[in-house]
């Protein structure tokens, strides 16, 4: 699959969080997220392995029991079914890859 820049629109997931799918195949989906300062992604876990890269902004990120201050250029991988949450310190843009594919994130 090839996707042209801006060919898909962002959609809200929860308050302060927007997502758009970029590219996907049978086993992975690549998504771009925009997170708004002052909001939070509540603690959750899911059956998807998740890897990400912070393009801009700043996040306080908990993976399992450990907190990480994520700044532009930082990256992470979260195994499936591991609890995580995020406090959005600054407006942020990030890219994340999920495997297996998340049907709820498909266009």
PDB file of N, CA and C in Angstrom:
ATOM      1  N   UNK A   1       0.840  -1.177   0.000  1.00  0.00           N
ATOM      2  CA  UNK A   1       0.000   0.000   0.000  1.00  0.00           C
ATOM      3  C   UNK A   1       0.883   1.239   0.000  1.00  0.00           C
ATOM      4  N   UNK A   2       0.434   2.230  -0.713  1.00  0.00           N
ATOM      5  CA  UNK A   2       1.088   3.532  -0.738  1.00  0.00           C
ATOM      6  C   UNK A   2       0.021   4.564  -0.417  1.00  0.00           C
ATOM      7  N   UNK A   3       0.348   5.511   0.465  1.00  0.00           N
ATOM      8  CA  UNK A   3      -0.617   6.540   0.852  1.00  0.00           C
ATOM      9  C   UNK A   3      -0.007   7.912   0.613  1.00  0.00           C
ATOM     10  N   UNK A   4      -0.715   8.761  -0.110  1.00  0.00           N
ATOM     11  CA  UNK A   4      -0.268  10.135  -0.346  1.00  0.00           C
ATOM     12  C   UNK A   4      -0.502  10.979   0.902  1.00  0.00           C
ATOM     13  N   UNK A   5       0.387  11.918   1.108  1.00  0.00           N
ATOM     14  CA  UNK A   5       0.287  12.869   2.210  1.00  0.00           C
ATOM     15  C   UNK A   5      -1.108  13.514   2.219  1.00  0.00           C
ATOM     16  N   UNK A   6      -1.678  13.601   3.398  1.00  0.00           N
ATOM     17  CA  UNK A   6      -2.981  14.247   3.602  1.00  0.00           C
ATOM     18  C   UNK A   6      -4.129  13.608   2.825  1.00  0.00           C
ATOM     19  N   UNK A   7      -4.000  12.332   2.462  1.00  0.00           N
ATOM     20  CA  UNK A   7      -5.103  11.668   1.765  1.00  0.00           C
ATOM     21  C   UNK A   7      -6.165  11.147   2.737  1.00  0.00           C
ATOM     22  N   UNK A   8      -5.848  11.125   4.013  1.00  0.00           N
ATOM     23  CA  UNK A   8      -6.811  10.689   5.035  1.00  0.00           C
ATOM     24  C   UNK A   8      -6.931  11.763   6.108  1.00  0.00           C
ATOM     25  N   UNK A   9      -8.135  11.912   6.623  1.00  0.00           N
ATOM     26  CA  UNK A   9      -8.405  12.911   7.651  1.00  0.00           C
ATOM     27  C   UNK A   9      -8.195  12.350   9.049  1.00  0.00           C
ATOM     28  N   UNK A  10      -7.874  13.246   9.978  1.00  0.00           N
ATOM     29  CA  UNK A  10      -7.815  12.878  11.389  1.00  0.00           C
ATOM     30  C   UNK A  10      -9.238  12.700  11.903  1.00  0.00           C
ATOM     31  N   UNK A  11      -9.385  11.768  12.858  1.00  0.00           N
ATOM     32  CA  UNK A  11     -10.666  11.614  13.536  1.00  0.00           C
ATOM     33  C   UNK A  11     -10.425  11.554  15.035  1.00  0.00           C
ATOM     34  N   UNK A  12     -11.351  12.082  15.822  1.00  0.00           N
ATOM     35  CA  UNK A  12     -11.160  12.063  17.278  1.00  0.00           C
ATOM     36  C   UNK A  12     -11.309  10.644  17.822  1.00  0.00           C
ATOM     37  N   UNK A  13     -10.441  10.304  18.782  1.00  0.00           N
ATOM     38  CA  UNK A  13     -10.556   9.015  19.487  1.00  0.00           C
ATOM     39  C   UNK A  13     -11.161   9.236  20.867  1.00  0.00           C
ATOM     40  N   UNK A  14     -10.533  10.142  21.617  1.00  0.00           N
ATOM     41  CA  UNK A  14     -11.055  10.603  22.898  1.00  0.00           C
ATOM     42  C   UNK A  14     -10.752  12.102  22.957  1.00  0.00           C
ATOM     43  N   UNK A  15     -11.285  12.785  23.944  1.00  0.00           N
ATOM     44  CA  UNK A  15     -11.044  14.222  24.039  1.00  0.00           C
ATOM     45  C   UNK A  15      -9.545  14.500  24.111  1.00  0.00           C
ATOM     46  N   UNK A  16      -9.066  15.377  23.219  1.00  0.00           N
ATOM     47  CA  UNK A  16      -7.664  15.753  23.192  1.00  0.00           C
ATOM     48  C   UNK A  16      -6.779  14.854  22.348  1.00  0.00           C
ATOM     49  N   UNK A  17      -7.369  13.831  21.704  1.00  0.00           N
ATOM     50  CA  UNK A  17      -6.576  12.877  20.918  1.00  0.00           C
ATOM     51  C   UNK A  17      -7.239  12.648  19.560  1.00  0.00           C
ATOM     52  N   UNK A  18      -6.471  12.920  18.470  1.00  0.00           N
ATOM     53  CA  UNK A  18      -6.929  12.659  17.110  1.00  0.00           C
ATOM     54  C   UNK A  18      -5.968  11.684  16.449  1.00  0.00           C
ATOM     55  N   UNK A  19      -6.499  10.862  15.543  1.00  0.00           N
ATOM     56  CA  UNK A  19      -5.707   9.833  14.873  1.00  0.00           C
ATOM     57  C   UNK A  19      -6.120   9.755  13.408  1.00  0.00           C
ATOM     58  N   UNK A  20      -5.130   9.422  12.569  1.00  0.00           N
ATOM     59  CA  UNK A  20      -5.462   9.042  11.199  1.00  0.00           C
ATOM     60  C   UNK A  20      -4.594   7.857  10.803  1.00  0.00           C
ATOM     61  N   UNK A  21      -5.183   6.873  10.132  1.00  0.00           N
ATOM     62  CA  UNK A  21      -4.382   5.754   9.635  1.00  0.00           C
ATOM     63  C   UNK A  21      -3.552   6.231   8.447  1.00  0.00           C
ATOM     64  N   UNK A  22      -2.325   5.765   8.378  1.00  0.00           N
ATOM     65  CA  UNK A  22      -1.447   6.138   7.267  1.00  0.00           C
ATOM     66  C   UNK A  22      -1.352   5.003   6.256  1.00  0.00           C
ATOM     67  N   UNK A  23      -0.909   3.841   6.705  1.00  0.00           N
ATOM     68  CA  UNK A  23      -0.751   2.688   5.819  1.00  0.00           C
ATOM     69  C   UNK A  23      -1.007   1.418   6.623  1.00  0.00           C
ATOM     70  N   UNK A  24      -1.479   0.376   5.933  1.00  0.00           N
ATOM     71  CA  UNK A  24      -1.743  -0.885   6.623  1.00  0.00           C
ATOM     72  C   UNK A  24      -1.701  -2.023   5.617  1.00  0.00           C
ATOM     73  N   UNK A  25      -1.481  -3.191   6.145  1.00  0.00           N
ATOM     74  CA  UNK A  25      -1.560  -4.435   5.378  1.00  0.00           C
ATOM     75  C   UNK A  25      -2.212  -5.475   6.275  1.00  0.00           C
ATOM     76  N   UNK A  26      -1.881  -6.730   6.091  1.00  0.00           N
ATOM     77  CA  UNK A  26      -2.550  -7.796   6.840  1.00  0.00           C
ATOM     78  C   UNK A  26      -2.135  -7.864   8.307  1.00  0.00           C
ATOM     79  N   UNK A  27      -0.898  -7.481   8.648  1.00  0.00           N
ATOM     80  CA  UNK A  27      -0.387  -7.705  10.003  1.00  0.00           C
ATOM     81  C   UNK A  27      -0.078  -6.437  10.782  1.00  0.00           C
ATOM     82  N   UNK A  28       0.011  -5.273  10.120  1.00  0.00           N
ATOM     83  CA  UNK A  28       0.373  -4.035  10.816  1.00  0.00           C
ATOM     84  C   UNK A  28      -0.451  -2.866  10.307  1.00  0.00           C
ATOM     85  N   UNK A  29      -0.564  -1.863  11.179  1.00  0.00           N
ATOM     86  CA  UNK A  29      -1.158  -0.596  10.783  1.00  0.00           C
ATOM     87  C   UNK A  29      -0.302   0.530  11.350  1.00  0.00           C
ATOM     88  N   UNK A  30      -0.011   1.533  10.528  1.00  0.00           N
ATOM     89  CA  UNK A  30       0.783   2.690  10.906  1.00  0.00           C
ATOM     90  C   UNK A  30      -0.164   3.879  11.011  1.00  0.00           C
ATOM     91  N   UNK A  31      -0.121   4.592  12.152  1.00  0.00           N
ATOM     92  CA  UNK A  31      -1.048   5.694  12.409  1.00  0.00           C
ATOM     93  C   UNK A  31      -0.298   6.931  12.883  1.00  0.00           C
ATOM     94  N   UNK A  32      -0.867   8.096  12.573  1.00  0.00           N
ATOM     95  CA  UNK A  32      -0.360   9.371  13.074  1.00  0.00           C
ATOM     96  C   UNK A  32      -1.361   9.894  14.103  1.00  0.00           C
ATOM     97  N   UNK A  33      -0.836  10.415  15.198  1.00  0.00           N
ATOM     98  CA  UNK A  33      -1.669  10.943  16.279  1.00  0.00           C
ATOM     99  C   UNK A  33      -1.303  12.395  16.558  1.00  0.00           C
ATOM    100  N   UNK A  34      -2.310  13.193  16.898  1.00  0.00           N
ATOM    101  CA  UNK A  34      -2.115  14.545  17.419  1.00  0.00           C
ATOM    102  C   UNK A  34      -2.747  14.574  18.803  1.00  0.00           C
ATOM    103  N   UNK A  35      -1.932  14.932  19.796  1.00  0.00           N
ATOM    104  CA  UNK A  35      -2.369  14.956  21.186  1.00  0.00           C
ATOM    105  C   UNK A  35      -2.325  16.385  21.694  1.00  0.00           C
ATOM    106  N   UNK A  36      -3.372  16.775  22.399  1.00  0.00           N
ATOM    107  CA  UNK A  36      -3.501  18.155  22.863  1.00  0.00           C
ATOM    108  C   UNK A  36      -3.075  18.278  24.323  1.00  0.00           C
ATOM    109  N   UNK A  37      -2.249  19.278  24.570  1.00  0.00           N
ATOM    110  CA  UNK A  37      -1.725  19.565  25.905  1.00  0.00           C
ATOM    111  C   UNK A  37      -2.837  19.625  26.942  1.00  0.00           C
ATOM    112  N   UNK A  38      -2.551  19.043  28.116  1.00  0.00           N
ATOM    113  CA  UNK A  38      -3.479  19.088  29.227  1.00  0.00           C
ATOM    114  C   UNK A  38      -4.439  17.907  29.294  1.00  0.00           C
ATOM    115  N   UNK A  39      -4.481  17.087  28.263  1.00  0.00           N
ATOM    116  CA  UNK A  39      -5.352  15.910  28.266  1.00  0.00           C
ATOM    117  C   UNK A  39      -4.553  14.674  28.648  1.00  0.00           C
ATOM    118  N   UNK A  40      -5.241  13.548  28.750  1.00  0.00           N
ATOM    119  CA  UNK A  40      -4.626  12.310  29.209  1.00  0.00           C
ATOM    120  C   UNK A  40      -5.212  11.134  28.443  1.00  0.00           C
ATOM    121  N   UNK A  41      -4.363  10.180  28.132  1.00  0.00           N
ATOM    122  CA  UNK A  41      -4.849   8.879  27.677  1.00  0.00           C
ATOM    123  C   UNK A  41      -4.906   8.016  28.928  1.00  0.00           C
ATOM    124  N   UNK A  42      -6.092   7.610  29.348  1.00  0.00           N
ATOM    125  CA  UNK A  42      -6.216   6.867  30.599  1.00  0.00           C
ATOM    126  C   UNK A  42      -5.537   5.495  30.516  1.00  0.00           C
ATOM    127  N   UNK A  43      -5.272   4.924  31.681  1.00  0.00           N
ATOM    128  CA  UNK A  43      -4.641   3.606  31.749  1.00  0.00           C
ATOM    129  C   UNK A  43      -5.484   2.598  30.964  1.00  0.00           C
ATOM    130  N   UNK A  44      -4.797   1.832  30.119  1.00  0.00           N
ATOM    131  CA  UNK A  44      -5.475   0.815  29.324  1.00  0.00           C
ATOM    132  C   UNK A  44      -4.454  -0.215  28.847  1.00  0.00           C
ATOM    133  N   UNK A  45      -4.949  -1.306  28.326  1.00  0.00           N
ATOM    134  CA  UNK A  45      -4.107  -2.312  27.672  1.00  0.00           C
ATOM    135  C   UNK A  45      -4.938  -2.932  26.555  1.00  0.00           C
ATOM    136  N   UNK A  46      -4.259  -3.548  25.601  1.00  0.00           N
ATOM    137  CA  UNK A  46      -4.934  -4.129  24.455  1.00  0.00           C
ATOM    138  C   UNK A  46      -4.085  -5.271  23.887  1.00  0.00           C
ATOM    139  N   UNK A  47      -4.679  -6.097  23.029  1.00  0.00           N
ATOM    140  CA  UNK A  47      -3.956  -7.259  22.494  1.00  0.00           C
ATOM    141  C   UNK A  47      -3.066  -6.931  21.296  1.00  0.00           C
ATOM    142  N   UNK A  48      -2.582  -5.685  21.229  1.00  0.00           N
ATOM    143  CA  UNK A  48      -1.737  -5.267  20.113  1.00  0.00           C
ATOM    144  C   UNK A  48      -0.372  -4.857  20.623  1.00  0.00           C
ATOM    145  N   UNK A  49       0.686  -5.314  19.955  1.00  0.00           N
ATOM    146  CA  UNK A  49       2.014  -4.768  20.212  1.00  0.00           C
ATOM    147  C   UNK A  49       2.028  -3.384  19.577  1.00  0.00           C
ATOM    148  N   UNK A  50       2.658  -2.437  20.274  1.00  0.00           N
ATOM    149  CA  UNK A  50       2.593  -1.029  19.875  1.00  0.00           C
ATOM    150  C   UNK A  50       3.989  -0.432  19.947  1.00  0.00           C
ATOM    151  N   UNK A  51       4.452   0.146  18.834  1.00  0.00           N
ATOM    152  CA  UNK A  51       5.738   0.851  18.803  1.00  0.00           C
ATOM    153  C   UNK A  51       5.497   2.253  18.290  1.00  0.00           C
ATOM    154  N   UNK A  52       6.186   3.230  18.892  1.00  0.00           N
ATOM    155  CA  UNK A  52       5.932   4.606  18.509  1.00  0.00           C
ATOM    156  C   UNK A  52       7.182   5.461  18.483  1.00  0.00           C
ATOM    157  N   UNK A  53       7.032   6.639  17.835  1.00  0.00           N
ATOM    158  CA  UNK A  53       8.092   7.630  17.700  1.00  0.00           C
ATOM    159  C   UNK A  53       7.462   8.999  17.886  1.00  0.00           C
ATOM    160  N   UNK A  54       8.007   9.784  18.821  1.00  0.00           N
ATOM    161  CA  UNK A  54       7.485  11.125  19.100  1.00  0.00           C
ATOM    162  C   UNK A  54       8.158  12.126  18.168  1.00  0.00           C
ATOM    163  N   UNK A  55       7.382  12.707  17.265  1.00  0.00           N
ATOM    164  CA  UNK A  55       7.902  13.677  16.301  1.00  0.00           C
ATOM    165  C   UNK A  55       8.099  15.034  16.961  1.00  0.00           C
ATOM    166  N   UNK A  56       7.095  15.467  17.730  1.00  0.00           N
ATOM    167  CA  UNK A  56       7.197  16.758  18.421  1.00  0.00           C
ATOM    168  C   UNK A  56       6.354  16.706  19.688  1.00  0.00           C
ATOM    169  N   UNK A  57       6.714  17.569  20.646  1.00  0.00           N
ATOM    170  CA  UNK A  57       5.966  17.654  21.891  1.00  0.00           C
ATOM    171  C   UNK A  57       6.662  16.979  23.054  1.00  0.00           C
ATOM    172  N   UNK A  58       5.874  16.760  24.117  1.00  0.00           N
ATOM    173  CA  UNK A  58       6.405  16.151  25.334  1.00  0.00           C
ATOM    174  C   UNK A  58       5.271  15.402  26.021  1.00  0.00           C
ATOM    175  N   UNK A  59       5.569  14.166  26.458  1.00  0.00           N
ATOM    176  CA  UNK A  59       4.596  13.299  27.103  1.00  0.00           C
ATOM    177  C   UNK A  59       5.196  12.684  28.354  1.00  0.00           C
ATOM    178  N   UNK A  60       4.380  12.471  29.369  1.00  0.00           N
ATOM    179  CA  UNK A  60       4.764  11.652  30.511  1.00  0.00           C
ATOM    180  C   UNK A  60       4.061  10.321  30.305  1.00  0.00           C
ATOM    181  N   UNK A  61       4.838   9.274  30.065  1.00  0.00           N
ATOM    182  CA  UNK A  61       4.354   8.011  29.546  1.00  0.00           C
ATOM    183  C   UNK A  61       4.606   6.915  30.577  1.00  0.00           C
ATOM    184  N   UNK A  62       3.554   6.216  31.013  1.00  0.00           N
ATOM    185  CA  UNK A  62       3.742   5.060  31.907  1.00  0.00           C
ATOM    186  C   UNK A  62       3.537   3.791  31.113  1.00  0.00           C
ATOM    187  N   UNK A  63       4.549   2.937  31.156  1.00  0.00           N
ATOM    188  CA  UNK A  63       4.484   1.610  30.565  1.00  0.00           C
ATOM    189  C   UNK A  63       4.682   0.630  31.706  1.00  0.00           C
ATOM    190  N   UNK A  64       3.643  -0.161  31.979  1.00  0.00           N
ATOM    191  CA  UNK A  64       3.605  -1.062  33.128  1.00  0.00           C
ATOM    192  C   UNK A  64       3.718  -0.209  34.392  1.00  0.00           C
ATOM    193  N   UNK A  65       4.765  -0.357  35.168  1.00  0.00           N
ATOM    194  CA  UNK A  65       4.888   0.412  36.413  1.00  0.00           C
ATOM    195  C   UNK A  65       5.896   1.555  36.321  1.00  0.00           C
ATOM    196  N   UNK A  66       6.532   1.723  35.162  1.00  0.00           N
ATOM    197  CA  UNK A  66       7.605   2.708  35.033  1.00  0.00           C
ATOM    198  C   UNK A  66       7.172   3.912  34.198  1.00  0.00           C
ATOM    199  N   UNK A  67       7.450   5.118  34.723  1.00  0.00           N
ATOM    200  CA  UNK A  67       7.150   6.363  34.012  1.00  0.00           C
ATOM    201  C   UNK A  67       8.360   6.809  33.201  1.00  0.00           C
ATOM    202  N   UNK A  68       8.094   7.392  32.023  1.00  0.00           N
ATOM    203  CA  UNK A  68       9.136   7.882  31.117  1.00  0.00           C
ATOM    204  C   UNK A  68       8.735   9.270  30.643  1.00  0.00           C
ATOM    205  N   UNK A  69       9.663  10.206  30.666  1.00  0.00           N
ATOM    206  CA  UNK A  69       9.433  11.521  30.079  1.00  0.00           C
ATOM    207  C   UNK A  69       9.844  11.426  28.607  1.00  0.00           C
ATOM    208  N   UNK A  70       8.859  11.452  27.711  1.00  0.00           N
ATOM    209  CA  UNK A  70       9.130  11.312  26.282  1.00  0.00           C
ATOM    210  C   UNK A  70       9.217  12.690  25.646  1.00  0.00           C
ATOM    211  N   UNK A  71      10.311  12.924  24.918  1.00  0.00           N
ATOM    212  CA  UNK A  71      10.529  14.181  24.207  1.00  0.00           C
ATOM    213  C   UNK A  71      10.760  13.863  22.733  1.00  0.00           C
ATOM    214  N   UNK A  72      10.655  14.878  21.881  1.00  0.00           N
ATOM    215  CA  UNK A  72      10.813  14.678  20.442  1.00  0.00           C
ATOM    216  C   UNK A  72      12.058  13.848  20.139  1.00  0.00           C
ATOM    217  N   UNK A  73      11.887  12.830  19.314  1.00  0.00           N
ATOM    218  CA  UNK A  73      12.986  11.935  18.951  1.00  0.00           C
ATOM    219  C   UNK A  73      13.004  10.650  19.746  1.00  0.00           C
ATOM    220  N   UNK A  74      12.244  10.573  20.847  1.00  0.00           N
ATOM    221  CA  UNK A  74      12.196   9.353  21.655  1.00  0.00           C
ATOM    222  C   UNK A  74      11.240   8.343  21.029  1.00  0.00           C
ATOM    223  N   UNK A  75      11.464   7.073  21.353  1.00  0.00           N
ATOM    224  CA  UNK A  75      10.614   6.012  20.815  1.00  0.00           C
ATOM    225  C   UNK A  75      10.357   4.956  21.882  1.00  0.00           C
ATOM    226  N   UNK A  76       9.386   4.076  21.627  1.00  0.00           N
ATOM    227  CA  UNK A  76       8.976   3.076  22.608  1.00  0.00           C
ATOM    228  C   UNK A  76       8.368   1.875  21.899  1.00  0.00           C
ATOM    229  N   UNK A  77       8.355   0.761  22.598  1.00  0.00           N
ATOM    230  CA  UNK A  77       7.616  -0.437  22.204  1.00  0.00           C
ATOM    231  C   UNK A  77       6.921  -0.973  23.443  1.00  0.00           C
ATOM    232  N   UNK A  78       5.660  -1.325  23.279  1.00  0.00           N
ATOM    233  CA  UNK A  78       4.846  -1.827  24.383  1.00  0.00           C
ATOM    234  C   UNK A  78       4.331  -3.205  23.983  1.00  0.00           C
ATOM    235  N   UNK A  79       4.665  -4.234  24.765  1.00  0.00           N
ATOM    236  CA  UNK A  79       4.149  -5.567  24.437  1.00  0.00           C
ATOM    237  C   UNK A  79       2.630  -5.616  24.553  1.00  0.00           C
ATOM    238  N   UNK A  80       2.041  -6.582  23.912  1.00  0.00           N
ATOM    239  CA  UNK A  80       0.591  -6.743  24.005  1.00  0.00           C
ATOM    240  C   UNK A  80       0.166  -6.973  25.458  1.00  0.00           C
ATOM    241  N   UNK A  81      -0.987  -6.458  25.812  1.00  0.00           N
ATOM    242  CA  UNK A  81      -1.608  -6.629  27.127  1.00  0.00           C
ATOM    243  C   UNK A  81      -0.816  -6.048  28.295  1.00  0.00           C
ATOM    244  N   UNK A  82       0.051  -5.073  28.043  1.00  0.00           N
ATOM    245  CA  UNK A  82       0.768  -4.363  29.106  1.00  0.00           C
ATOM    246  C   UNK A  82       0.071  -3.014  29.307  1.00  0.00           C
ATOM    247  N   UNK A  83      -0.284  -2.719  30.561  1.00  0.00           N
ATOM    248  CA  UNK A  83      -0.996  -1.470  30.836  1.00  0.00           C
ATOM    249  C   UNK A  83      -0.084  -0.268  30.608  1.00  0.00           C
ATOM    250  N   UNK A  84      -0.682   0.794  30.038  1.00  0.00           N
ATOM    251  CA  UNK A  84       0.056   2.033  29.796  1.00  0.00           C
ATOM    252  C   UNK A  84      -0.914   3.200  29.828  1.00  0.00           C
ATOM    253  N   UNK A  85      -0.369   4.411  30.047  1.00  0.00           N
ATOM    254  CA  UNK A  85      -1.152   5.646  30.063  1.00  0.00           C
ATOM    255  C   UNK A  85      -0.231   6.798  29.716  1.00  0.00           C
ATOM    256  N   UNK A  86      -0.834   7.938  29.332  1.00  0.00           N
ATOM    257  CA  UNK A  86      -0.038   9.082  28.904  1.00  0.00           C
ATOM    258  C   UNK A  86      -0.648  10.371  29.426  1.00  0.00           C
ATOM    259  N   UNK A  87       0.177  11.213  30.056  1.00  0.00           N
ATOM    260  CA  UNK A  87      -0.171  12.593  30.371  1.00  0.00           C
ATOM    261  C   UNK A  87       0.448  13.457  29.276  1.00  0.00           C
ATOM    262  N   UNK A  88      -0.358  14.283  28.637  1.00  0.00           N
ATOM    263  CA  UNK A  88       0.107  15.088  27.517  1.00  0.00           C
ATOM    264  C   UNK A  88       0.591  16.435  28.054  1.00  0.00           C
ATOM    265  N   UNK A  89       1.896  16.623  28.110  1.00  0.00           N
ATOM    266  CA  UNK A  89       2.512  17.811  28.696  1.00  0.00           C
ATOM    267  C   UNK A  89       2.519  18.976  27.701  1.00  0.00           C
ATOM    268  N   UNK A  90       2.777  18.681  26.430  1.00  0.00           N
ATOM    269  CA  UNK A  90       2.770  19.682  25.354  1.00  0.00           C
ATOM    270  C   UNK A  90       1.993  19.113  24.178  1.00  0.00           C
ATOM    271  N   UNK A  91       1.443  19.981  23.330  1.00  0.00           N
ATOM    272  CA  UNK A  91       0.858  19.500  22.085  1.00  0.00           C
ATOM    273  C   UNK A  91       1.893  18.599  21.428  1.00  0.00           C
ATOM    274  N   UNK A  92       1.452  17.441  20.960  1.00  0.00           N
ATOM    275  CA  UNK A  92       2.394  16.437  20.465  1.00  0.00           C
ATOM    276  C   UNK A  92       1.897  15.788  19.186  1.00  0.00           C
ATOM    277  N   UNK A  93       2.867  15.372  18.361  1.00  0.00           N
ATOM    278  CA  UNK A  93       2.589  14.598  17.156  1.00  0.00           C
ATOM    279  C   UNK A  93       3.451  13.347  17.229  1.00  0.00           C
ATOM    280  N   UNK A  94       2.840  12.191  16.970  1.00  0.00           N
ATOM    281  CA  UNK A  94       3.580  10.940  17.029  1.00  0.00           C
ATOM    282  C   UNK A  94       3.065   9.966  15.995  1.00  0.00           C
ATOM    283  N   UNK A  95       3.903   8.999  15.691  1.00  0.00           N
ATOM    284  CA  UNK A  95       3.592   7.915  14.771  1.00  0.00           C
ATOM    285  C   UNK A  95       3.647   6.626  15.581  1.00  0.00           C
ATOM    286  N   UNK A  96       2.642   5.757  15.377  1.00  0.00           N
ATOM    287  CA  UNK A  96       2.668   4.457  16.053  1.00  0.00           C
ATOM    288  C   UNK A  96       2.297   3.353  15.083  1.00  0.00           C
ATOM    289  N   UNK A  97       2.924   2.200  15.312  1.00  0.00           N
ATOM    290  CA  UNK A  97       2.682   0.989  14.539  1.00  0.00           C
ATOM    291  C   UNK A  97       2.055  -0.035  15.472  1.00  0.00           C
ATOM    292  N   UNK A  98       0.984  -0.679  15.038  1.00  0.00           N
ATOM    293  CA  UNK A  98       0.307  -1.696  15.836  1.00  0.00           C
ATOM    294  C   UNK A  98       0.312  -3.017  15.077  1.00  0.00           C
ATOM    295  N   UNK A  99       0.538  -4.107  15.836  1.00  0.00           N
ATOM    296  CA  UNK A  99       0.493  -5.444  15.275  1.00  0.00           C
ATOM    297  C   UNK A  99      -0.092  -6.396  16.318  1.00  0.00           C
ATOM    298  N   UNK A 100      -1.039  -7.244  15.969  1.00  0.00           N
ATOM    299  CA  UNK A 100      -1.674  -7.319  14.661  1.00  0.00           C
ATOM    300  C   UNK A 100      -2.462  -6.040  14.369  1.00  0.00           C
ATOM    301  N   UNK A 101      -2.984  -5.957  13.185  1.00  0.00           N
ATOM    302  CA  UNK A 101      -3.699  -4.770  12.749  1.00  0.00           C
ATOM    303  C   UNK A 101      -4.899  -4.487  13.663  1.00  0.00           C
ATOM    304  N   UNK A 102      -5.131  -3.209  13.934  1.00  0.00           N
ATOM    305  CA  UNK A 102      -6.277  -2.788  14.743  1.00  0.00           C
ATOM    306  C   UNK A 102      -7.446  -2.478  13.814  1.00  0.00           C
ATOM    307  N   UNK A 103      -8.465  -3.306  13.801  1.00  0.00           N
ATOM    308  CA  UNK A 103      -9.593  -3.029  12.903  1.00  0.00           C
ATOM    309  C   UNK A 103     -10.301  -1.714  13.232  1.00  0.00           C
ATOM    310  N   UNK A 104     -10.273  -1.309  14.517  1.00  0.00           N
ATOM    311  CA  UNK A 104     -10.947  -0.061  14.915  1.00  0.00           C
ATOM    312  C   UNK A 104     -10.219   1.175  14.392  1.00  0.00           C
ATOM    313  N   UNK A 105      -8.987   1.039  13.913  1.00  0.00           N
ATOM    314  CA  UNK A 105      -8.234   2.159  13.376  1.00  0.00           C
ATOM    315  C   UNK A 105      -8.228   2.210  11.849  1.00  0.00           C
ATOM    316  N   UNK A 106      -8.834   1.246  11.198  1.00  0.00           N
ATOM    317  CA  UNK A 106      -8.871   1.242   9.734  1.00  0.00           C
ATOM    318  C   UNK A 106      -9.731   2.400   9.220  1.00  0.00           C
ATOM    319  N   UNK A 107      -9.411   2.906   8.019  1.00  0.00           N
ATOM    320  CA  UNK A 107     -10.238   3.994   7.462  1.00  0.00           C
ATOM    321  C   UNK A 107     -11.647   3.506   7.122  1.00  0.00           C
TER     322      UNK A 107
END
